[in-house]
Amino acid sequence: MSWKIHALRVVGPLALVACSNNNSAAPTTNDAGGTSAEASAVGTDAGARNPDTAPVVSVDRFSDAFAHLFKRSANASLPAANAPIACDQGPFITHGFGPDGEDVTYYNFDVLPTAPVPIYAFFAGGTEVAGQLHVIDVLPGDPGYNDFWRVNMVTVPSDYVANSITSLAEITAAGFPVTPTDMLVNCPVVPAGSTAMLRYTSESSALVRGWYRDQIVNYFSFDERALVTTSGGAVPTAPILVTFNIDPSSSNAMSGPPSGFMMEPGTLQTHNVVSFLPVSPAYSPLWVVTAYKDSSFAAVSNWATGTQAPVAAADIADVNCPVVAVAQAADGGAADAGVEAAAAVGVDAAADAAGE
């Protein structure tokens, strides 16, 4: 059984793979959520667990314990706890502008910290263990949770049977060496059945399964650009300019984010502007939000005009908003810093054109 490896980086003698593990054959789905094509790789050892029959953990991204922008307590129309999330509809998807006026689409996964959390990938003899699901130990709402995971290599013996280890506690108890890397992956944990159909690259949009304390957890994978930690071990950030229907004000609780993004009449087009596209080395899906005054909405169509608009509130929050589609600007301008290959949606060659 062959694997298609995404977001590959080489660290020392070992090859590391991001959280998206996909086979060349089309995967199937099951009631446990995620893809099940790897289940047959699980060994027959009595200690190995079958992902297809394991319990599935409950996930709630809209509780007060986790949410900032999307709290169910403030918006009863948001999905119930553990109900599937359809991310291709508002308020979870936004249409804005790129730095040169490109049409940009990105998902909204709420406010997140810059401190990543570990995700554990298993290696034997320098090769990732086929069929072994990755392991995490925090969920949305837990202290320290983040959609951005720092890859940790777990070195196991050559006779290790896939999915014999399904929790951090078992990794620790086994005494397997764990080596942190500088590699980051953007994998928002969501309820089983959730959908987010768009990707900037050709990676699958299907949910990926992992282990959380002997239970199955489901998450999306976004690898529009390989990410690494900063020198301080944090998730890198990039600036984004937005405007709301009501400028943020400390005296008005319904101003700023609760008022919603300002849009062109009769459309879903905002005049939010991202500073970089995925072809740029400076790109990050964790955006530092600055709001410009809504009176400048009509004048903003790219980064240059956005930075000329008066600021309503600076550095409001850091939000996870992976760019998943880019189309050429209406005036025919290049998609990013002269890299014309980035003008199309989902073109893998764009990364090569940027020198990656």
Foldseek 3Di string as FASTA:
>chain_A
DDWDFPLWDDDPLAIDGDQFIHDPDDFDAAPLFFGQPQQVQFDPPPLADGQRPFAADWADCQDPLFADLRHCVVPVPADDTLDAAAQVDPPQKAWAAEQVQWTFIWGFSHFFDFAAAAKEFEDEPRHTRGSAFIEDADGRSDPPHDLKHFYKYFYDYPPDGHRSDQYPVVSVVVVTDIHTDQWIWRKHWGRHPYFDQFAQAPGGRGWHWGGYPRHITTTGTHPLDTFGADPVNTGAEFAKEFAFPAQDDPVDPCHDSVRPGDADPPDRYFHIYGHFASLDPNDDQFYQYWYFYPVCRVQRRHNVSRVVGHTRGGRPGTIRIHTGFIAAHPVRDAGGPPQNQSRGGHDPCSNVSSPD
